[in-house]
Amino acid sequence: IGERIVRRKTEVEKENQEFIKNYDDSKYAKPSLTTDMVVFGVFDGNESNYRKYSEKILKVLLVKRKSEPFKECYALPGGFVRPNETLTQAATRELKEETNLPCEFLEQFGTYSSPKRDPRGWVISNGFLALVDASQYHVQGGDDAAEAKWFDVLFREEKDGWILRLSNEDDVIHAVLNNVADKWDVKSRFISVNSNEIAFDHEIIIADAITQLRKWIADTHIAFRLLPDRFTLRQLQQIYETVLDANLLVPAFRRKISSHVEETGEMTSDVGHRPAMLYKERD
């Protein structure tokens, strides 16, 4: 049986080679492929009380486009896939070129194929979600990006639809989206009602990425990607609350994560409140 399988495999390879010699690939239109990276980081905000605990803010990284189309509009970092690259290799390269960030976590979460999503022609984009410990890196615009900036993220359902608001000290991007998923869809599907100052269909990609991040943080250990190696339980809970846009009960939260963390034997120092135990992710 083994010899027959090997012989048949050799025959198939020869048949494929003959087929390719005579194959005319010009009869099918070919799209261009791009990658778009939704990079999230969690930053310290204002000190929220007399004990000097800082609030946490979820931010997304956007770049200002240097050239047409959508010149000087904000967009997700990304670009075209080269012939010798995989999608992940292209995403890693583009992220480094346009923002100077390495990829600590990079996971594909969606494909965007609307024929009119890009005015240059038929361009299919693959959305990647990236997480960074933002305190460790300095972003810098490069290549096709005139500049790179972190934007505060607000995404929640209101009476007019899902509101996406991205803001920093200088700019505000606002979009309204509808969730068109039905009971048979395995994940949310958004369409844009209106948006301003953001390129292509990137408000939809960002909305999908936030939804996916909230699902992953509830079901996996992904929250640890947004923390340093040593952290307090309060810091860990703040990551969950910031991403989920919800307040969590301390006892219930600590019971849930107790099997995922372990004490380091170290304590915080140089803080404006009583020293707290430092933890690490359990192996």
C-alpha atoms as a PDB file:
ATOM      1  CA  ILE A   1       0.000   0.000   0.000  1.00  0.00           C
ATOM      2  CA  GLY A   2       2.820   2.375   0.873  1.00  0.00           C
ATOM      3  CA  GLU A   3       4.500   1.924  -2.518  1.00  0.00           C
ATOM      4  CA  ARG A   4       1.222   2.601  -4.334  1.00  0.00           C
ATOM      5  CA  ILE A   5       0.719   5.816  -2.361  1.00  0.00           C
ATOM      6  CA  VAL A   6       4.242   7.049  -3.169  1.00  0.00           C
ATOM      7  CA  ARG A   7       3.828   6.142  -6.842  1.00  0.00           C
ATOM      8  CA  ARG A   8       0.467   7.899  -7.064  1.00  0.00           C
ATOM      9  CA  LYS A   9       1.894  10.975  -5.367  1.00  0.00           C
ATOM     10  CA  THR A  10       4.673  11.128  -7.970  1.00  0.00           C
ATOM     11  CA  GLU A  11       2.114  10.799 -10.763  1.00  0.00           C
ATOM     12  CA  VAL A  12       0.007  13.608  -9.300  1.00  0.00           C
ATOM     13  CA  GLU A  13       3.045  15.886  -9.079  1.00  0.00           C
ATOM     14  CA  LYS A  14       3.827  15.273 -12.758  1.00  0.00           C
ATOM     15  CA  GLU A  15       0.199  15.886 -13.729  1.00  0.00           C
ATOM     16  CA  ASN A  16       0.223  19.152 -11.759  1.00  0.00           C
ATOM     17  CA  GLN A  17       3.395  20.283 -13.501  1.00  0.00           C
ATOM     18  CA  GLU A  18       1.852  19.639 -16.919  1.00  0.00           C
ATOM     19  CA  PHE A  19      -1.325  21.426 -15.904  1.00  0.00           C
ATOM     20  CA  ILE A  20       0.588  24.516 -14.700  1.00  0.00           C
ATOM     21  CA  LYS A  21       2.534  24.729 -17.979  1.00  0.00           C
ATOM     22  CA  ASN A  22      -0.714  25.238 -19.906  1.00  0.00           C
ATOM     23  CA  TYR A  23      -2.668  27.134 -17.260  1.00  0.00           C
ATOM     24  CA  ASP A  24      -3.775  30.658 -18.151  1.00  0.00           C
ATOM     25  CA  ASP A  25      -4.079  32.648 -14.919  1.00  0.00           C
ATOM     26  CA  SER A  26      -5.046  35.856 -16.728  1.00  0.00           C
ATOM     27  CA  LYS A  27      -8.713  34.818 -16.879  1.00  0.00           C
ATOM     28  CA  TYR A  28      -9.177  35.507 -13.158  1.00  0.00           C
ATOM     29  CA  ALA A  29      -8.939  38.966 -11.644  1.00  0.00           C
ATOM     30  CA  LYS A  30      -6.434  39.239  -8.826  1.00  0.00           C
ATOM     31  CA  PRO A  31      -6.853  41.435  -5.751  1.00  0.00           C
ATOM     32  CA  SER A  32      -4.017  43.137  -3.942  1.00  0.00           C
ATOM     33  CA  LEU A  33      -3.432  42.026  -0.348  1.00  0.00           C
ATOM     34  CA  THR A  34      -2.754  44.319   2.593  1.00  0.00           C
ATOM     35  CA  THR A  35      -2.438  43.993   6.342  1.00  0.00           C
ATOM     36  CA  ASP A  36      -3.830  46.447   8.898  1.00  0.00           C
ATOM     37  CA  MET A  37      -2.685  46.301  12.511  1.00  0.00           C
ATOM     38  CA  VAL A  38      -4.848  47.389  15.440  1.00  0.00           C
ATOM     39  CA  VAL A  39      -2.260  48.015  18.161  1.00  0.00           C
ATOM     40  CA  PHE A  40      -3.580  48.379  21.721  1.00  0.00           C
ATOM     41  CA  GLY A  41      -1.771  49.569  24.820  1.00  0.00           C
ATOM     42  CA  VAL A  42      -2.943  50.430  28.325  1.00  0.00           C
ATOM     43  CA  PHE A  43      -1.614  53.674  29.805  1.00  0.00           C
ATOM     44  CA  ASP A  44      -1.728  55.319  33.221  1.00  0.00           C
ATOM     45  CA  GLY A  45      -4.248  58.141  33.450  1.00  0.00           C
ATOM     46  CA  ASN A  46      -5.016  60.509  36.298  1.00  0.00           C
ATOM     47  CA  GLU A  47      -4.586  59.463  39.915  1.00  0.00           C
ATOM     48  CA  SER A  48      -8.081  58.436  40.913  1.00  0.00           C
ATOM     49  CA  ASN A  49      -7.998  58.848  44.714  1.00  0.00           C
ATOM     50  CA  TYR A  50      -6.001  59.940  47.743  1.00  0.00           C
ATOM     51  CA  ARG A  51      -4.040  56.666  47.695  1.00  0.00           C
ATOM     52  CA  LYS A  52      -2.614  57.750  44.328  1.00  0.00           C
ATOM     53  CA  TYR A  53      -3.852  54.801  42.303  1.00  0.00           C
ATOM     54  CA  SER A  54      -3.715  55.735  38.626  1.00  0.00           C
ATOM     55  CA  GLU A  55      -6.647  55.129  36.340  1.00  0.00           C
ATOM     56  CA  LYS A  56      -5.956  53.046  33.244  1.00  0.00           C
ATOM     57  CA  ILE A  57      -6.756  54.108  29.686  1.00  0.00           C
ATOM     58  CA  LEU A  58      -7.023  51.808  26.672  1.00  0.00           C
ATOM     59  CA  LYS A  59      -5.374  53.378  23.630  1.00  0.00           C
ATOM     60  CA  VAL A  60      -5.022  52.453  19.964  1.00  0.00           C
ATOM     61  CA  LEU A  61      -2.151  53.470  17.721  1.00  0.00           C
ATOM     62  CA  LEU A  62      -2.943  55.386  14.532  1.00  0.00           C
ATOM     63  CA  VAL A  63      -0.703  56.887  11.860  1.00  0.00           C
ATOM     64  CA  LYS A  64      -1.270  59.972   9.744  1.00  0.00           C
ATOM     65  CA  ARG A  65      -1.016  59.090   6.071  1.00  0.00           C
ATOM     66  CA  LYS A  66       1.736  60.817   4.136  1.00  0.00           C
ATOM     67  CA  SER A  67       0.243  60.342   0.665  1.00  0.00           C
ATOM     68  CA  GLU A  68      -2.993  59.725  -1.240  1.00  0.00           C
ATOM     69  CA  PRO A  69      -5.490  58.208  -0.932  1.00  0.00           C
ATOM     70  CA  PHE A  70      -6.725  59.806   2.301  1.00  0.00           C
ATOM     71  CA  LYS A  71      -3.639  61.987   2.574  1.00  0.00           C
ATOM     72  CA  GLU A  72      -3.244  63.480   6.094  1.00  0.00           C
ATOM     73  CA  CYS A  73      -6.096  61.338   7.443  1.00  0.00           C
ATOM     74  CA  TYR A  74      -5.495  58.965  10.314  1.00  0.00           C
ATOM     75  CA  ALA A  75      -5.363  55.255   9.577  1.00  0.00           C
ATOM     76  CA  LEU A  76      -4.212  51.977  11.040  1.00  0.00           C
ATOM     77  CA  PRO A  77      -0.578  51.100  10.412  1.00  0.00           C
ATOM     78  CA  GLY A  78      -0.324  48.640   7.555  1.00  0.00           C
ATOM     79  CA  GLY A  79       0.537  48.135   3.925  1.00  0.00           C
ATOM     80  CA  PHE A  80       0.780  45.801   0.968  1.00  0.00           C
ATOM     81  CA  VAL A  81       1.965  42.217   1.234  1.00  0.00           C
ATOM     82  CA  ARG A  82       5.057  41.499  -0.847  1.00  0.00           C
ATOM     83  CA  PRO A  83       5.190  38.405  -3.111  1.00  0.00           C
ATOM     84  CA  ASN A  84       7.721  36.614  -0.897  1.00  0.00           C
ATOM     85  CA  GLU A  85       5.923  37.256   2.417  1.00  0.00           C
ATOM     86  CA  THR A  86       3.303  35.597   4.530  1.00  0.00           C
ATOM     87  CA  LEU A  87       0.596  37.824   5.978  1.00  0.00           C
ATOM     88  CA  THR A  88       2.196  37.718   9.420  1.00  0.00           C
ATOM     89  CA  GLN A  89       5.616  38.612   8.017  1.00  0.00           C
ATOM     90  CA  ALA A  90       4.107  41.579   6.177  1.00  0.00           C
ATOM     91  CA  ALA A  91       2.262  42.740   9.297  1.00  0.00           C
ATOM     92  CA  THR A  92       5.426  42.523  11.393  1.00  0.00           C
ATOM     93  CA  ARG A  93       7.458  44.450   8.821  1.00  0.00           C
ATOM     94  CA  GLU A  94       4.868  47.180   8.287  1.00  0.00           C
ATOM     95  CA  LEU A  95       4.392  47.706  12.010  1.00  0.00           C
ATOM     96  CA  LYS A  96       8.121  48.183  12.499  1.00  0.00           C
ATOM     97  CA  GLU A  97       8.489  50.456   9.451  1.00  0.00           C
ATOM     98  CA  GLU A  98       5.552  52.721  10.246  1.00  0.00           C
ATOM     99  CA  THR A  99       5.635  52.885  14.055  1.00  0.00           C
ATOM    100  CA  ASN A 100       8.999  51.507  15.240  1.00  0.00           C
ATOM    101  CA  LEU A 101       7.173  48.937  17.373  1.00  0.00           C
ATOM    102  CA  PRO A 102       8.071  45.253  17.654  1.00  0.00           C
ATOM    103  CA  CYS A 103       5.322  42.627  17.765  1.00  0.00           C
ATOM    104  CA  GLU A 104       4.922  41.223  21.267  1.00  0.00           C
ATOM    105  CA  PHE A 105       1.567  39.719  20.346  1.00  0.00           C
ATOM    106  CA  LEU A 106       0.129  39.610  16.830  1.00  0.00           C
ATOM    107  CA  GLU A 107      -2.975  37.643  15.925  1.00  0.00           C
ATOM    108  CA  GLN A 108      -5.159  37.781  12.829  1.00  0.00           C
ATOM    109  CA  PHE A 109      -8.830  38.355  13.601  1.00  0.00           C
ATOM    110  CA  GLY A 110     -10.622  39.366  10.399  1.00  0.00           C
ATOM    111  CA  THR A 111     -10.604  39.774   6.613  1.00  0.00           C
ATOM    112  CA  TYR A 112     -12.075  42.807   4.842  1.00  0.00           C
ATOM    113  CA  SER A 113     -13.026  42.316   1.218  1.00  0.00           C
ATOM    114  CA  SER A 114     -15.654  44.882   0.244  1.00  0.00           C
ATOM    115  CA  PRO A 115     -14.914  45.682  -3.441  1.00  0.00           C
ATOM    116  CA  LYS A 116     -15.156  49.431  -2.810  1.00  0.00           C
ATOM    117  CA  ARG A 117     -13.237  49.640   0.471  1.00  0.00           C
ATOM    118  CA  ASP A 118     -10.153  51.090  -1.267  1.00  0.00           C
ATOM    119  CA  PRO A 119     -10.373  53.718  -4.043  1.00  0.00           C
ATOM    120  CA  ARG A 120      -7.206  52.324  -5.669  1.00  0.00           C
ATOM    121  CA  GLY A 121      -8.970  49.149  -6.714  1.00  0.00           C
ATOM    122  CA  TRP A 122      -9.706  45.662  -5.434  1.00  0.00           C
ATOM    123  CA  VAL A 123      -7.750  45.447  -2.194  1.00  0.00           C
ATOM    124  CA  ILE A 124      -8.421  42.792   0.437  1.00  0.00           C
ATOM    125  CA  SER A 125      -7.105  43.600   3.900  1.00  0.00           C
ATOM    126  CA  ASN A 126      -6.324  41.244   6.755  1.00  0.00           C
ATOM    127  CA  GLY A 127      -6.811  42.662  10.233  1.00  0.00           C
ATOM    128  CA  PHE A 128      -4.246  41.853  12.929  1.00  0.00           C
ATOM    129  CA  LEU A 129      -4.564  42.615  16.624  1.00  0.00           C
ATOM    130  CA  ALA A 130      -1.340  43.599  18.400  1.00  0.00           C
ATOM    131  CA  LEU A 131      -0.758  44.189  22.111  1.00  0.00           C
ATOM    132  CA  VAL A 132       2.188  46.032  23.630  1.00  0.00           C
ATOM    133  CA  ASP A 133       3.334  47.073  27.063  1.00  0.00           C
ATOM    134  CA  ALA A 134       3.212  50.698  25.968  1.00  0.00           C
ATOM    135  CA  SER A 135       5.517  51.955  28.717  1.00  0.00           C
ATOM    136  CA  GLN A 136       8.443  50.070  27.180  1.00  0.00           C
ATOM    137  CA  TYR A 137       8.494  51.599  23.688  1.00  0.00           C
ATOM    138  CA  HIS A 138       8.574  54.937  21.899  1.00  0.00           C
ATOM    139  CA  VAL A 139       6.468  55.137  18.745  1.00  0.00           C
ATOM    140  CA  GLN A 140       7.739  57.016  15.739  1.00  0.00           C
ATOM    141  CA  GLY A 141       6.142  57.528  12.332  1.00  0.00           C
ATOM    142  CA  GLY A 142       8.103  56.250   9.359  1.00  0.00           C
ATOM    143  CA  ASP A 143       7.857  54.997   5.780  1.00  0.00           C
ATOM    144  CA  ASP A 144       4.328  55.939   4.538  1.00  0.00           C
ATOM    145  CA  ALA A 145       3.338  57.399   7.935  1.00  0.00           C
ATOM    146  CA  ALA A 146       3.926  61.105   8.566  1.00  0.00           C
ATOM    147  CA  GLU A 147       3.451  60.551  12.302  1.00  0.00           C
ATOM    148  CA  ALA A 148       2.165  57.963  14.767  1.00  0.00           C
ATOM    149  CA  LYS A 149      -0.027  58.788  17.773  1.00  0.00           C
ATOM    150  CA  TRP A 150      -1.849  56.969  20.565  1.00  0.00           C
ATOM    151  CA  PHE A 151      -5.602  57.662  20.801  1.00  0.00           C
ATOM    152  CA  ASP A 152      -7.858  57.044  23.814  1.00  0.00           C
ATOM    153  CA  VAL A 153     -10.540  54.467  22.996  1.00  0.00           C
ATOM    154  CA  LEU A 154     -14.234  54.657  23.817  1.00  0.00           C
ATOM    155  CA  PHE A 155     -16.512  52.042  22.269  1.00  0.00           C
ATOM    156  CA  ARG A 156     -19.949  51.375  23.659  1.00  0.00           C
ATOM    157  CA  GLU A 157     -23.533  50.855  22.580  1.00  0.00           C
ATOM    158  CA  GLU A 158     -25.878  53.841  22.796  1.00  0.00           C
ATOM    159  CA  LYS A 159     -29.355  54.537  21.458  1.00  0.00           C
ATOM    160  CA  ASP A 160     -28.052  55.673  18.052  1.00  0.00           C
ATOM    161  CA  GLY A 161     -25.823  52.628  17.603  1.00  0.00           C
ATOM    162  CA  TRP A 162     -22.308  51.686  18.601  1.00  0.00           C
ATOM    163  CA  ILE A 163     -20.248  54.805  19.247  1.00  0.00           C
ATOM    164  CA  LEU A 164     -16.528  54.741  18.527  1.00  0.00           C
ATOM    165  CA  ARG A 165     -14.603  57.743  19.800  1.00  0.00           C
ATOM    166  CA  LEU A 166     -10.826  58.001  19.426  1.00  0.00           C
ATOM    167  CA  SER A 167      -9.159  61.055  20.925  1.00  0.00           C
ATOM    168  CA  ASN A 168      -5.906  62.628  22.008  1.00  0.00           C
ATOM    169  CA  GLU A 169      -4.900  66.167  22.935  1.00  0.00           C
ATOM    170  CA  ASP A 170      -5.062  67.361  19.325  1.00  0.00           C
ATOM    171  CA  ASP A 171      -7.579  65.246  17.419  1.00  0.00           C
ATOM    172  CA  VAL A 172     -10.941  63.511  17.817  1.00  0.00           C
ATOM    173  CA  ILE A 173     -12.225  60.785  15.515  1.00  0.00           C
ATOM    174  CA  HIS A 174     -15.885  59.846  15.805  1.00  0.00           C
ATOM    175  CA  ALA A 175     -17.832  57.033  14.162  1.00  0.00           C
ATOM    176  CA  VAL A 176     -21.253  55.444  14.512  1.00  0.00           C
ATOM    177  CA  LEU A 177     -21.652  51.779  13.617  1.00  0.00           C
ATOM    178  CA  ASN A 178     -24.442  49.235  13.574  1.00  0.00           C
ATOM    179  CA  ASN A 179     -24.036  45.618  14.605  1.00  0.00           C
ATOM    180  CA  VAL A 180     -25.668  43.575  11.839  1.00  0.00           C
ATOM    181  CA  ALA A 181     -24.886  40.111  13.223  1.00  0.00           C
ATOM    182  CA  ASP A 182     -27.818  37.752  13.640  1.00  0.00           C
ATOM    183  CA  LYS A 183     -28.228  34.770  15.949  1.00  0.00           C
ATOM    184  CA  TRP A 184     -26.335  32.490  13.554  1.00  0.00           C
ATOM    185  CA  ASP A 185     -23.200  34.653  13.430  1.00  0.00           C
ATOM    186  CA  VAL A 186     -20.328  33.432  15.577  1.00  0.00           C
ATOM    187  CA  LYS A 187     -19.038  36.974  16.093  1.00  0.00           C
ATOM    188  CA  SER A 188     -20.166  40.573  15.790  1.00  0.00           C
ATOM    189  CA  ARG A 189     -20.293  42.172  12.345  1.00  0.00           C
ATOM    190  CA  PHE A 190     -20.304  45.944  12.081  1.00  0.00           C
ATOM    191  CA  ILE A 191     -21.193  48.354   9.301  1.00  0.00           C
ATOM    192  CA  SER A 192     -20.348  52.038   9.379  1.00  0.00           C
ATOM    193  CA  VAL A 193     -23.175  54.564   9.550  1.00  0.00           C
ATOM    194  CA  ASN A 194     -20.881  57.594   9.483  1.00  0.00           C
ATOM    195  CA  SER A 195     -17.333  58.511  10.441  1.00  0.00           C
ATOM    196  CA  ASN A 196     -14.848  61.345  10.097  1.00  0.00           C
ATOM    197  CA  GLU A 197     -11.103  61.726   9.732  1.00  0.00           C
ATOM    198  CA  ILE A 198     -10.255  58.040   9.379  1.00  0.00           C
ATOM    199  CA  ALA A 199      -9.151  56.296   6.201  1.00  0.00           C
ATOM    200  CA  PHE A 200     -10.717  53.421   4.275  1.00  0.00           C
ATOM    201  CA  ASP A 201     -12.990  51.224   6.452  1.00  0.00           C
ATOM    202  CA  HIS A 202     -10.688  51.366   9.457  1.00  0.00           C
ATOM    203  CA  GLU A 203     -13.450  52.312  11.890  1.00  0.00           C
ATOM    204  CA  ILE A 204     -15.012  48.900  11.185  1.00  0.00           C
ATOM    205  CA  ILE A 205     -11.700  47.101  11.639  1.00  0.00           C
ATOM    206  CA  ILE A 206     -11.124  48.887  14.961  1.00  0.00           C
ATOM    207  CA  ALA A 207     -14.642  48.063  16.182  1.00  0.00           C
ATOM    208  CA  ASP A 208     -14.102  44.406  15.305  1.00  0.00           C
ATOM    209  CA  ALA A 209     -10.724  44.412  17.060  1.00  0.00           C
ATOM    210  CA  ILE A 210     -12.132  45.882  20.282  1.00  0.00           C
ATOM    211  CA  THR A 211     -14.909  43.299  20.279  1.00  0.00           C
ATOM    212  CA  GLN A 212     -12.408  40.506  19.716  1.00  0.00           C
ATOM    213  CA  LEU A 213     -10.077  41.832  22.426  1.00  0.00           C
ATOM    214  CA  ARG A 214     -12.952  41.877  24.924  1.00  0.00           C
ATOM    215  CA  LYS A 215     -13.801  38.286  24.073  1.00  0.00           C
ATOM    216  CA  TRP A 216     -10.197  37.124  24.317  1.00  0.00           C
ATOM    217  CA  ILE A 217      -9.548  38.894  27.610  1.00  0.00           C
ATOM    218  CA  ALA A 218     -12.570  37.168  29.130  1.00  0.00           C
ATOM    219  CA  ASP A 219     -11.667  33.705  27.787  1.00  0.00           C
ATOM    220  CA  THR A 220      -7.833  33.607  27.744  1.00  0.00           C
ATOM    221  CA  HIS A 221      -4.687  34.897  29.517  1.00  0.00           C
ATOM    222  CA  ILE A 222      -4.218  37.707  26.997  1.00  0.00           C
ATOM    223  CA  ALA A 223      -4.402  40.406  29.704  1.00  0.00           C
ATOM    224  CA  PHE A 224      -0.862  39.553  30.797  1.00  0.00           C
ATOM    225  CA  ARG A 225       0.378  40.851  27.436  1.00  0.00           C
ATOM    226  CA  LEU A 226      -0.541  44.360  28.580  1.00  0.00           C
ATOM    227  CA  LEU A 227       1.418  44.216  31.837  1.00  0.00           C
ATOM    228  CA  PRO A 228       5.062  44.163  32.890  1.00  0.00           C
ATOM    229  CA  ASP A 229       6.461  40.862  34.198  1.00  0.00           C
ATOM    230  CA  ARG A 230       5.716  41.880  37.807  1.00  0.00           C
ATOM    231  CA  PHE A 231       2.368  43.438  38.686  1.00  0.00           C
ATOM    232  CA  THR A 232      -0.130  43.876  41.494  1.00  0.00           C
ATOM    233  CA  LEU A 233      -3.560  42.280  41.501  1.00  0.00           C
ATOM    234  CA  ARG A 234      -5.056  45.751  41.366  1.00  0.00           C
ATOM    235  CA  GLN A 235      -3.117  46.497  38.179  1.00  0.00           C
ATOM    236  CA  LEU A 236      -4.331  43.248  36.656  1.00  0.00           C
ATOM    237  CA  GLN A 237      -7.944  44.021  37.557  1.00  0.00           C
ATOM    238  CA  GLN A 238      -7.571  47.497  36.075  1.00  0.00           C
ATOM    239  CA  ILE A 239      -6.519  45.943  32.765  1.00  0.00           C
ATOM    240  CA  TYR A 240      -9.682  43.813  32.701  1.00  0.00           C
ATOM    241  CA  GLU A 241     -11.928  46.725  33.673  1.00  0.00           C
ATOM    242  CA  THR A 242     -10.360  49.066  31.128  1.00  0.00           C
ATOM    243  CA  VAL A 243     -10.680  46.657  28.222  1.00  0.00           C
ATOM    244  CA  LEU A 244     -14.167  45.449  29.161  1.00  0.00           C
ATOM    245  CA  ASP A 245     -15.370  48.986  30.029  1.00  0.00           C
ATOM    246  CA  ALA A 246     -16.901  47.585  33.224  1.00  0.00           C
ATOM    247  CA  ASN A 247     -16.420  47.577  36.990  1.00  0.00           C
ATOM    248  CA  LEU A 248     -15.610  44.186  38.526  1.00  0.00           C
ATOM    249  CA  LEU A 249     -16.117  43.044  42.102  1.00  0.00           C
ATOM    250  CA  VAL A 250     -12.741  42.550  43.766  1.00  0.00           C
ATOM    251  CA  PRO A 251     -13.480  39.218  45.581  1.00  0.00           C
ATOM    252  CA  ALA A 252     -15.044  37.614  42.496  1.00  0.00           C
ATOM    253  CA  PHE A 253     -12.239  38.799  40.239  1.00  0.00           C
ATOM    254  CA  ARG A 254      -9.502  37.509  42.531  1.00  0.00           C
ATOM    255  CA  ARG A 255     -11.168  34.115  42.814  1.00  0.00           C
ATOM    256  CA  LYS A 256     -11.343  33.911  39.020  1.00  0.00           C
ATOM    257  CA  ILE A 257      -7.664  34.684  38.415  1.00  0.00           C
ATOM    258  CA  SER A 258      -6.180  33.020  41.497  1.00  0.00           C
ATOM    259  CA  SER A 259      -5.078  29.928  39.564  1.00  0.00           C
ATOM    260  CA  HIS A 260      -3.372  32.042  36.876  1.00  0.00           C
ATOM    261  CA  VAL A 261      -1.012  34.081  39.077  1.00  0.00           C
ATOM    262  CA  GLU A 262       1.577  33.443  41.765  1.00  0.00           C
ATOM    263  CA  GLU A 263       3.312  35.605  44.339  1.00  0.00           C
ATOM    264  CA  THR A 264       6.871  36.708  43.641  1.00  0.00           C
ATOM    265  CA  GLY A 265       7.773  37.492  47.250  1.00  0.00           C
ATOM    266  CA  GLU A 266       8.468  41.085  46.189  1.00  0.00           C
ATOM    267  CA  MET A 267       6.569  44.228  47.178  1.00  0.00           C
ATOM    268  CA  THR A 268       5.938  47.522  45.435  1.00  0.00           C
ATOM    269  CA  SER A 269       8.111  50.440  46.513  1.00  0.00           C
ATOM    270  CA  ASP A 270       8.225  54.211  45.956  1.00  0.00           C
ATOM    271  CA  VAL A 271       4.452  54.402  45.679  1.00  0.00           C
ATOM    272  CA  GLY A 272       1.968  56.747  47.328  1.00  0.00           C
ATOM    273  CA  HIS A 273       0.047  53.963  49.054  1.00  0.00           C
ATOM    274  CA  ARG A 274       0.770  50.945  51.237  1.00  0.00           C
ATOM    275  CA  PRO A 275       3.168  48.499  49.512  1.00  0.00           C
ATOM    276  CA  ALA A 276       1.386  45.657  47.718  1.00  0.00           C
ATOM    277  CA  MET A 277       2.467  42.164  46.779  1.00  0.00           C
ATOM    278  CA  LEU A 278       3.861  41.758  43.271  1.00  0.00           C
ATOM    279  CA  TYR A 279       2.651  38.785  41.222  1.00  0.00           C
ATOM    280  CA  LYS A 280       3.618  37.111  37.988  1.00  0.00           C
ATOM    281  CA  GLU A 281       1.738  34.928  35.515  1.00  0.00           C
ATOM    282  CA  ARG A 282       1.778  31.285  36.574  1.00  0.00           C
ATOM    283  CA  ASP A 283       3.677  29.045  34.165  1.00  0.00           C
END
